[in-house]
Amino acid sequence: MKFLHSMIRVSDLEASLDFYINKLGLMEVRRKDVPEGKFTLIFLATAIGEAEIELTHNWGSEEVYDTGRNFGHLAFEVDNIYETCQHLQNNGVTINRPPRCGYMAFIKSPDNISIELLQKGEALAPKEPWLSMENTGTW
């Protein structure tokens, strides 16, 4: 069995693409407009052939999908948890659970999808400013 993708309904396509592509660093793999269903599917991944996130955007809908329509979280392995979190924070992303332990952090997408970031390999040594940052407890 091979994991293929996770689907996320998005209400603001441009904000979601900015978040996943420009801030998180994913790439668009393919896109499919479905006029008869009035929706667009956009598949994103860390690299070609890797597991994907399917963003589903319903045309003309201004519905904001609450967490009741979501599922737990997405998880990504990163090369350096501190550099990744600093990059995201510098680009306006709130770090909901800072990487105080050098291994794990949580952020949220524009549609309130929790995203877990995990350090590749062993945890990095704890360091400031992440040690003294408060949890918001919202992941």
N, C-alpha and C. Protein backbone atom coordinates (compact mmCIF):
# COMPACT_ATOMS: atom_id res chain seq x y z
N MET A 1 0.84 -1.17 0.00
CA MET A 1 0.00 0.00 0.00
C MET A 1 0.88 1.23 0.00
N LYS A 2 0.45 2.27 -0.74
CA LYS A 2 1.22 3.51 -0.84
C LYS A 2 0.29 4.68 -0.55
N PHE A 3 0.67 5.55 0.31
CA PHE A 3 -0.12 6.74 0.59
C PHE A 3 -0.05 7.64 -0.63
N LEU A 4 -1.22 8.12 -1.12
CA LEU A 4 -1.25 8.96 -2.31
C LEU A 4 -1.46 10.44 -2.00
N HIS A 5 -2.55 10.78 -1.31
CA HIS A 5 -2.80 12.19 -1.02
C HIS A 5 -3.81 12.35 0.11
N SER A 6 -3.88 13.57 0.62
CA SER A 6 -4.91 13.99 1.56
C SER A 6 -5.64 15.15 0.92
N MET A 7 -6.97 15.18 1.04
CA MET A 7 -7.76 16.25 0.43
C MET A 7 -8.15 17.26 1.49
N ILE A 8 -8.02 18.53 1.11
CA ILE A 8 -8.40 19.63 1.98
C ILE A 8 -9.29 20.56 1.17
N ARG A 9 -10.47 20.88 1.69
CA ARG A 9 -11.33 21.87 1.06
C ARG A 9 -10.81 23.25 1.46
N VAL A 10 -10.67 24.12 0.48
CA VAL A 10 -10.17 25.48 0.75
C VAL A 10 -11.19 26.51 0.30
N SER A 11 -11.36 27.55 1.09
CA SER A 11 -12.32 28.59 0.76
C SER A 11 -11.67 29.73 -0.02
N ASP A 12 -10.41 30.03 0.24
CA ASP A 12 -9.70 31.10 -0.47
C ASP A 12 -8.52 30.46 -1.19
N LEU A 13 -8.72 30.18 -2.47
CA LEU A 13 -7.71 29.45 -3.25
C LEU A 13 -6.39 30.20 -3.30
N GLU A 14 -6.42 31.50 -3.55
CA GLU A 14 -5.17 32.26 -3.66
C GLU A 14 -4.40 32.27 -2.35
N ALA A 15 -5.09 32.47 -1.24
CA ALA A 15 -4.42 32.46 0.07
C ALA A 15 -3.84 31.09 0.36
N SER A 16 -4.57 30.03 -0.01
CA SER A 16 -4.09 28.67 0.23
C SER A 16 -2.87 28.37 -0.63
N LEU A 17 -2.90 28.75 -1.92
CA LEU A 17 -1.74 28.52 -2.79
C LEU A 17 -0.53 29.30 -2.30
N ASP A 18 -0.74 30.54 -1.87
CA ASP A 18 0.36 31.33 -1.33
C ASP A 18 0.97 30.63 -0.13
N PHE A 19 0.12 30.12 0.76
CA PHE A 19 0.60 29.43 1.95
C PHE A 19 1.38 28.17 1.60
N TYR A 20 0.76 27.26 0.85
CA TYR A 20 1.38 25.96 0.59
C TYR A 20 2.58 26.04 -0.35
N ILE A 21 2.53 26.94 -1.35
CA ILE A 21 3.63 27.02 -2.31
C ILE A 21 4.70 28.01 -1.86
N ASN A 22 4.32 29.27 -1.62
CA ASN A 22 5.31 30.31 -1.33
C ASN A 22 5.88 30.24 0.08
N LYS A 23 5.07 29.82 1.04
CA LYS A 23 5.55 29.82 2.42
C LYS A 23 6.03 28.45 2.87
N LEU A 24 5.27 27.40 2.55
CA LEU A 24 5.65 26.07 2.99
C LEU A 24 6.61 25.40 2.02
N GLY A 25 6.64 25.85 0.75
CA GLY A 25 7.61 25.33 -0.20
C GLY A 25 7.17 24.14 -1.02
N LEU A 26 5.86 23.85 -1.06
CA LEU A 26 5.38 22.75 -1.89
C LEU A 26 5.33 23.20 -3.35
N MET A 27 5.19 22.24 -4.25
CA MET A 27 5.09 22.56 -5.67
C MET A 27 3.78 22.04 -6.22
N GLU A 28 3.23 22.77 -7.20
CA GLU A 28 2.02 22.30 -7.85
C GLU A 28 2.39 21.20 -8.83
N VAL A 29 1.77 20.02 -8.68
CA VAL A 29 2.05 18.86 -9.51
C VAL A 29 1.09 18.82 -10.70
N ARG A 30 -0.19 19.06 -10.43
CA ARG A 30 -1.18 19.10 -11.50
C ARG A 30 -2.42 19.80 -11.01
N ARG A 31 -3.26 20.21 -11.99
CA ARG A 31 -4.49 20.94 -11.69
C ARG A 31 -5.58 20.44 -12.63
N LYS A 32 -6.79 20.33 -12.10
CA LYS A 32 -7.90 19.88 -12.93
C LYS A 32 -9.13 20.70 -12.60
N ASP A 33 -9.65 21.42 -13.60
CA ASP A 33 -10.90 22.14 -13.46
C ASP A 33 -12.02 21.20 -13.87
N VAL A 34 -13.08 21.17 -13.07
CA VAL A 34 -14.23 20.31 -13.35
C VAL A 34 -15.46 21.21 -13.47
N PRO A 35 -15.69 21.77 -14.69
CA PRO A 35 -16.80 22.71 -14.89
C PRO A 35 -18.17 22.14 -14.52
N GLU A 36 -18.41 20.88 -14.86
CA GLU A 36 -19.73 20.30 -14.54
C GLU A 36 -19.96 20.19 -13.04
N GLY A 37 -18.92 20.07 -12.27
CA GLY A 37 -19.04 20.01 -10.81
C GLY A 37 -18.77 21.34 -10.14
N LYS A 38 -18.30 22.31 -10.93
CA LYS A 38 -17.98 23.66 -10.45
C LYS A 38 -16.92 23.63 -9.35
N PHE A 39 -15.83 22.90 -9.61
CA PHE A 39 -14.73 22.89 -8.66
C PHE A 39 -13.40 22.69 -9.38
N THR A 40 -12.33 23.01 -8.67
CA THR A 40 -10.96 22.83 -9.16
C THR A 40 -10.21 21.96 -8.15
N LEU A 41 -9.43 21.04 -8.68
CA LEU A 41 -8.54 20.21 -7.86
C LEU A 41 -7.11 20.62 -8.18
N ILE A 42 -6.33 20.90 -7.16
CA ILE A 42 -4.92 21.23 -7.33
C ILE A 42 -4.12 20.30 -6.43
N PHE A 43 -3.18 19.58 -7.04
CA PHE A 43 -2.36 18.62 -6.30
C PHE A 43 -0.99 19.24 -6.05
N LEU A 44 -0.55 19.20 -4.79
CA LEU A 44 0.73 19.75 -4.36
C LEU A 44 1.57 18.65 -3.73
N ALA A 45 2.89 18.78 -3.83
CA ALA A 45 3.79 17.80 -3.23
C ALA A 45 5.13 18.45 -2.91
N THR A 46 5.93 17.74 -2.12
CA THR A 46 7.29 18.22 -1.84
C THR A 46 8.20 17.95 -3.02
N ALA A 47 7.88 16.92 -3.82
CA ALA A 47 8.64 16.56 -5.02
C ALA A 47 7.76 15.65 -5.88
N ILE A 48 8.06 15.59 -7.16
CA ILE A 48 7.32 14.71 -8.06
C ILE A 48 7.45 13.28 -7.56
N GLY A 49 6.33 12.57 -7.50
CA GLY A 49 6.33 11.19 -7.06
C GLY A 49 6.13 11.00 -5.57
N GLU A 50 6.14 12.09 -4.81
CA GLU A 50 5.92 12.01 -3.37
C GLU A 50 4.43 12.11 -3.07
N ALA A 51 4.05 11.82 -1.84
CA ALA A 51 2.66 11.95 -1.42
C ALA A 51 2.18 13.37 -1.68
N GLU A 52 0.89 13.52 -1.96
CA GLU A 52 0.35 14.81 -2.37
C GLU A 52 -0.75 15.30 -1.44
N ILE A 53 -0.97 16.61 -1.50
CA ILE A 53 -2.12 17.25 -0.88
C ILE A 53 -3.01 17.69 -2.03
N GLU A 54 -4.27 17.31 -1.97
CA GLU A 54 -5.24 17.73 -2.97
C GLU A 54 -6.05 18.88 -2.38
N LEU A 55 -5.89 20.08 -2.95
CA LEU A 55 -6.71 21.21 -2.54
C LEU A 55 -7.96 21.19 -3.40
N THR A 56 -9.13 21.20 -2.79
CA THR A 56 -10.40 21.23 -3.52
C THR A 56 -11.04 22.59 -3.29
N HIS A 57 -11.25 23.31 -4.40
CA HIS A 57 -11.87 24.63 -4.32
C HIS A 57 -13.18 24.61 -5.08
N ASN A 58 -14.29 24.82 -4.36
CA ASN A 58 -15.62 24.87 -4.97
C ASN A 58 -15.88 26.29 -5.47
N TRP A 59 -16.15 26.41 -6.76
CA TRP A 59 -16.34 27.72 -7.39
C TRP A 59 -17.56 28.42 -6.83
N GLY A 60 -17.41 29.71 -6.62
CA GLY A 60 -18.54 30.52 -6.19
C GLY A 60 -18.92 30.33 -4.73
N SER A 61 -18.32 29.42 -4.06
CA SER A 61 -18.64 29.18 -2.65
C SER A 61 -17.77 30.07 -1.78
N GLU A 62 -18.41 30.76 -0.87
CA GLU A 62 -17.66 31.56 0.10
C GLU A 62 -17.72 30.91 1.47
N GLU A 63 -18.14 29.66 1.47
CA GLU A 63 -18.23 28.92 2.73
C GLU A 63 -16.84 28.77 3.34
N VAL A 64 -16.74 29.02 4.62
CA VAL A 64 -15.50 28.78 5.35
C VAL A 64 -15.68 27.43 6.02
N TYR A 65 -14.80 26.51 5.70
CA TYR A 65 -14.91 25.16 6.25
C TYR A 65 -14.35 25.15 7.66
N ASP A 66 -15.17 24.74 8.61
CA ASP A 66 -14.70 24.72 9.99
C ASP A 66 -13.95 23.42 10.27
N THR A 67 -13.41 23.34 11.47
CA THR A 67 -12.59 22.18 11.80
C THR A 67 -13.39 20.90 11.86
N GLY A 68 -14.72 20.99 11.92
CA GLY A 68 -15.54 19.79 11.89
C GLY A 68 -15.48 19.07 10.56
N ARG A 69 -15.08 19.79 9.49
CA ARG A 69 -14.98 19.20 8.17
C ARG A 69 -13.54 18.83 7.85
N ASN A 70 -12.66 19.06 8.78
CA ASN A 70 -11.24 18.74 8.57
C ASN A 70 -10.91 17.44 9.26
N PHE A 71 -9.66 17.06 9.21
CA PHE A 71 -9.22 15.80 9.81
C PHE A 71 -7.93 16.07 10.57
N GLY A 72 -7.72 15.79 11.74
CA GLY A 72 -6.45 15.89 12.44
C GLY A 72 -5.46 16.90 11.91
N HIS A 73 -4.41 16.43 11.25
CA HIS A 73 -3.39 17.33 10.73
C HIS A 73 -2.60 16.68 9.60
N LEU A 74 -1.82 17.51 8.91
CA LEU A 74 -0.84 17.04 7.93
C LEU A 74 0.50 17.04 8.64
N ALA A 75 1.43 16.21 8.18
CA ALA A 75 2.76 16.19 8.80
C ALA A 75 3.82 16.21 7.72
N PHE A 76 4.85 17.03 7.92
CA PHE A 76 5.97 17.14 7.01
C PHE A 76 7.27 16.99 7.78
N GLU A 77 8.20 16.23 7.22
CA GLU A 77 9.54 16.12 7.78
C GLU A 77 10.37 17.26 7.19
N VAL A 78 11.15 17.94 8.03
CA VAL A 78 11.98 19.06 7.58
C VAL A 78 13.44 18.82 7.96
N ASP A 79 14.35 19.41 7.18
CA ASP A 79 15.78 19.24 7.43
C ASP A 79 16.25 19.96 8.68
N ASN A 80 15.67 21.14 8.96
CA ASN A 80 16.05 21.91 10.15
C ASN A 80 14.81 22.60 10.68
N ILE A 81 14.29 22.11 11.78
CA ILE A 81 13.04 22.62 12.35
C ILE A 81 13.12 24.10 12.69
N TYR A 82 14.29 24.54 13.19
CA TYR A 82 14.43 25.94 13.58
C TYR A 82 14.45 26.86 12.36
N GLU A 83 15.22 26.50 11.34
CA GLU A 83 15.27 27.32 10.12
C GLU A 83 13.90 27.36 9.44
N THR A 84 13.22 26.24 9.40
CA THR A 84 11.89 26.19 8.78
C THR A 84 10.91 27.09 9.52
N CYS A 85 10.87 26.97 10.84
CA CYS A 85 9.96 27.79 11.63
C CYS A 85 10.30 29.27 11.51
N GLN A 86 11.58 29.60 11.49
CA GLN A 86 11.99 31.01 11.35
C GLN A 86 11.54 31.55 9.99
N HIS A 87 11.74 30.76 8.93
CA HIS A 87 11.30 31.15 7.59
C HIS A 87 9.79 31.40 7.56
N LEU A 88 9.03 30.49 8.13
CA LEU A 88 7.58 30.63 8.14
C LEU A 88 7.15 31.85 8.95
N GLN A 89 7.75 32.02 10.12
CA GLN A 89 7.42 33.16 10.97
C GLN A 89 7.76 34.48 10.26
N ASN A 90 8.91 34.52 9.58
CA ASN A 90 9.31 35.72 8.84
C ASN A 90 8.33 36.04 7.71
N ASN A 91 7.57 35.03 7.27
CA ASN A 91 6.61 35.20 6.19
C ASN A 91 5.18 35.28 6.70
N GLY A 92 5.02 35.61 7.97
CA GLY A 92 3.71 35.89 8.52
C GLY A 92 2.92 34.70 9.01
N VAL A 93 3.55 33.53 9.10
CA VAL A 93 2.85 32.34 9.59
C VAL A 93 3.02 32.26 11.10
N THR A 94 1.92 32.07 11.81
CA THR A 94 1.96 31.92 13.27
C THR A 94 2.42 30.51 13.63
N ILE A 95 3.38 30.43 14.52
CA ILE A 95 3.84 29.14 15.03
C ILE A 95 2.99 28.85 16.27
N ASN A 96 2.00 27.96 16.13
CA ASN A 96 1.08 27.66 17.23
C ASN A 96 1.73 26.87 18.35
N ARG A 97 2.63 25.99 17.98
CA ARG A 97 3.38 25.20 18.97
C ARG A 97 4.84 25.28 18.56
N PRO A 98 5.63 26.13 19.21
CA PRO A 98 7.03 26.31 18.83
C PRO A 98 7.86 25.04 19.00
N PRO A 99 8.98 24.95 18.28
CA PRO A 99 9.83 23.76 18.35
C PRO A 99 10.78 23.78 19.54
N ARG A 100 10.24 23.96 20.73
CA ARG A 100 11.09 24.05 21.93
C ARG A 100 11.93 22.80 22.13
N CYS A 101 11.41 21.66 21.74
CA CYS A 101 12.12 20.39 21.95
C CYS A 101 13.11 20.08 20.83
N GLY A 102 13.15 20.93 19.79
CA GLY A 102 14.07 20.69 18.68
C GLY A 102 13.59 19.62 17.73
N TYR A 103 12.34 19.16 17.91
CA TYR A 103 11.85 18.06 17.08
C TYR A 103 10.50 18.32 16.42
N MET A 104 9.59 19.02 17.11
CA MET A 104 8.23 19.14 16.60
C MET A 104 7.71 20.56 16.78
N ALA A 105 6.92 21.00 15.77
CA ALA A 105 6.23 22.27 15.84
C ALA A 105 4.89 22.12 15.13
N PHE A 106 3.95 23.02 15.43
CA PHE A 106 2.67 23.05 14.74
C PHE A 106 2.38 24.45 14.24
N ILE A 107 1.84 24.52 13.03
CA ILE A 107 1.38 25.77 12.42
C ILE A 107 -0.03 25.49 11.91
N LYS A 108 -0.71 26.54 11.39
CA LYS A 108 -2.03 26.34 10.78
C LYS A 108 -2.08 27.03 9.43
N SER A 109 -2.82 26.42 8.51
CA SER A 109 -3.03 27.00 7.19
C SER A 109 -4.09 28.10 7.27
N PRO A 110 -4.30 28.83 6.17
CA PRO A 110 -5.36 29.85 6.17
C PRO A 110 -6.75 29.27 6.44
N ASP A 111 -6.95 27.97 6.22
CA ASP A 111 -8.23 27.32 6.47
C ASP A 111 -8.24 26.55 7.78
N ASN A 112 -7.32 26.86 8.68
CA ASN A 112 -7.23 26.25 10.01
C ASN A 112 -6.89 24.76 9.99
N ILE A 113 -6.16 24.31 8.99
CA ILE A 113 -5.66 22.94 8.98
C ILE A 113 -4.39 22.92 9.83
N SER A 114 -4.33 22.07 10.83
CA SER A 114 -3.11 21.95 11.63
C SER A 114 -2.05 21.22 10.82
N ILE A 115 -0.84 21.75 10.86
CA ILE A 115 0.28 21.15 10.15
C ILE A 115 1.41 20.93 11.14
N GLU A 116 1.81 19.67 11.26
CA GLU A 116 2.89 19.29 12.15
C GLU A 116 4.19 19.28 11.36
N LEU A 117 5.21 19.90 11.91
CA LEU A 117 6.55 19.87 11.31
C LEU A 117 7.43 19.03 12.22
N LEU A 118 8.09 18.04 11.62
CA LEU A 118 8.94 17.13 12.40
C LEU A 118 10.38 17.19 11.89
N GLN A 119 11.31 17.29 12.81
CA GLN A 119 12.73 17.32 12.48
C GLN A 119 13.16 15.99 11.89
N LYS A 120 13.85 16.02 10.77
CA LYS A 120 14.39 14.80 10.17
C LYS A 120 15.48 14.24 11.09
N GLY A 121 15.42 12.94 11.34
CA GLY A 121 16.42 12.30 12.20
C GLY A 121 16.20 12.65 13.66
N GLU A 122 17.29 12.81 14.37
CA GLU A 122 17.25 13.11 15.80
C GLU A 122 16.86 14.57 16.04
N ALA A 123 16.32 14.83 17.20
CA ALA A 123 15.97 16.20 17.60
C ALA A 123 17.21 17.06 17.64
N LEU A 124 17.06 18.34 17.27
CA LEU A 124 18.15 19.30 17.41
C LEU A 124 18.21 19.76 18.86
N ALA A 125 19.36 20.23 19.28
CA ALA A 125 19.50 20.74 20.65
C ALA A 125 18.55 21.92 20.85
N PRO A 126 17.83 21.96 21.97
CA PRO A 126 16.94 23.09 22.24
C PRO A 126 17.72 24.41 22.22
N LYS A 127 17.08 25.46 21.67
CA LYS A 127 17.76 26.76 21.64
C LYS A 127 16.75 27.90 21.57
N GLU A 128 17.22 29.06 21.95
CA GLU A 128 16.40 30.28 21.89
C GLU A 128 16.33 30.75 20.43
N PRO A 129 15.30 31.48 20.06
CA PRO A 129 14.25 32.02 20.92
C PRO A 129 13.10 31.04 21.17
N TRP A 130 13.23 29.84 20.64
CA TRP A 130 12.13 28.88 20.67
C TRP A 130 11.85 28.35 22.07
N LEU A 131 12.85 28.28 22.93
CA LEU A 131 12.65 27.77 24.29
C LEU A 131 11.68 28.62 25.09
N SER A 132 11.75 29.91 24.92
CA SER A 132 10.94 30.80 25.76
C SER A 132 9.61 31.19 25.11
N MET A 133 9.34 30.68 23.91
CA MET A 133 8.07 31.02 23.26
C MET A 133 6.91 30.27 23.92
N GLU A 134 5.78 30.95 24.01
CA GLU A 134 4.58 30.37 24.61
C GLU A 134 3.82 29.53 23.60
N ASN A 135 3.17 28.50 24.07
CA ASN A 135 2.20 27.74 23.28
C ASN A 135 0.92 28.53 23.22
N THR A 136 0.25 28.53 22.08
CA THR A 136 -1.10 29.09 22.04
C THR A 136 -2.10 28.00 22.35
N GLY A 137 -1.66 26.73 22.23
CA GLY A 137 -2.53 25.62 22.53
C GLY A 137 -3.64 25.42 21.52
N THR A 138 -3.44 25.93 20.30
CA THR A 138 -4.52 25.89 19.31
C THR A 138 -4.30 24.88 18.21
N TRP A 139 -3.31 24.04 18.30
CA TRP A 139 -3.13 23.07 17.22
C TRP A 139 -4.04 21.93 17.48
